[in-house]
Each structure stands twice: as C-alpha cells, then as structure tokens.
C-alpha cells in the first residue's frame, strides 16, 4: 500500500494495539482477550527501538513487538487488523523489527510461533525464517514442597551476574534488561540460586498478562543454570515451587526448547506435564547452548 507508514510505537498507540491484538488472535483462541495496559507498557519498554505500528488512512492497522537480550533478538507479539488482511501490512512490520535487531548487533534473530496455526509457519518461512526446535510449555501443580537445607534464593549475585551466567550458556545472552523490566513494572522478580554445584538465576512472572484475569500459575520467563546437572535443576525447580506456594499460586509453568532435551526429561520425571507446544524459527544465526541449561519463552 502506497500510503502505509511504518513508525515506532509509542504509549499513545497501546489502546489500539490491544484491540488489534485481541482481534488478530481471536481466530486461534476462539475468544477476545485484552492484555493489560501494564503488560503492553512493559513490553514496549523492553526494546522501544524495535516496536512498530503500521498506519494507513484508517489509522493503526497492525503492530509488532520485539526484544533484544544481548546477542539474541526475538520477534514478539505481532498482529494485523483482520479487516486489513491482504494489504501487505505484515511484511513491512516484520522487516522493520528484524532490521532494528540486526542494526543493533544481534547475531541471532528468531521467534516462537504456534505450529498448529494455518497461517503463521508458512508466513515466516516465506520471509526467510527456518524451522528449528519445538518448544514445550511444562506445568506442575505444587503443594507441600520441601527443599533440602542449603538450597535457596538470593536477590543478588553481584554486578554483572545475569550477563556472566547467561553468556556462559549461550554466547552473548543477557537477560539484564528483562530482569530490570520485571522490577520496574512490578510483574515479577529475579532470583539467584544458592547452594547449587553451579550458578544460576530465574526471572519469574507472578501477574497475569490478560485483563481481569487473576494469575493461577507462576510463570518462569527464564531459568539459566551454568551446569547441565539433574540435581541442580530439580533443586532450582523446588525453590521456584516453594516460592509459588508462598504467593498462593497453585502451579508453576516452565517453557523449554527441545535443545534442552535432558532438562525436559528431568522435569517430566519430577511431575511436570506438557500443556502446550510452539515452534522456534530463526532467520539469522544459530541458537546453540555452549553448556548448562537455558529454559525460556520467546513469546511475549
């Protein structure tokens, strides 16, 4: 469309972005679900240079979020008003976000999408993304959790702890911005593990992203351990489960790429079950573990 303009998103756009998001995903979820404005504000603040809207004569027609975690760039929530489908709005939005991440030095750029969507996978393949690994969403009901003495959380590991731990598992990976975002917007907490054979941290979300919905699960946004060790993982999981109980949340939800095959198996053996799957796709670089465990959800 000759009159289509792609520009950076700002806070004044978020109400319309929320409406489009609800409409765009109605066909997949079968219901209208508005996100909280706080969730959209925090998502925009993660990486404002990489969040865009598409505007035509009728107003905002589509949007895209992205985030930069050190060397890793990921495309986040992305939607076009269903009334504007077929007008070549999605492609320029995707290219704008991709270019921002590439220009800011990301050596890996990818996304996570629903593999059972009739549209999504084909759309991303068309524009240069390759299918990589499935990602699993694991959930466990928690009750009467006990952790062995000596295994616990700490709220600090000293300056640079998040970058040091993340980069030891995936080259250049840095969750520092996401940890700061959780603290600033009040949606979660970051903890470092004490007493493990290696180092590790976790970023936890304890509030719902959906308007008028009370959180029932503690969501693990990222769990990074420097050693691929079964005992370390299960002790870390027990700390998370105990914290979930302290908040009155009955479940823990952890997402994991199939790259972490051992970690997935260990969590399933410990009572976690698969409740959802998604597909990771890459357009630049290769997302590889150099050691340890990295469990995360790229979908925002």
Foldseek 3Di string as FASTA:
>chain_A
DVQKDKDFDDLVCQVVQQVQLQQFCCVVPVHRWGFDSLLVVLQCVQDRQQKIFIAGPVGTFWIWTWHDFFQEIETARTGGRPVCPPVPRRVVSVVSNVVSSVVVRRQWYWYKFAPPDPPPVVVVVVVFWAWDFKKFKKKFFFDPFDADPFKEWDQDDDPPPQQVQQCLWWNGGHCVSVQVSCVVSVQWHKIWITRDPWTKIWTWGLADRTPPDGAQEIETAKIWTNALDLVRLVNVVSNVSVVCVVVVHGMYMWMATCLNVVSVVSVVVVGMDTDGMIIMIIRGDDTGTPHTGMTHHRHD
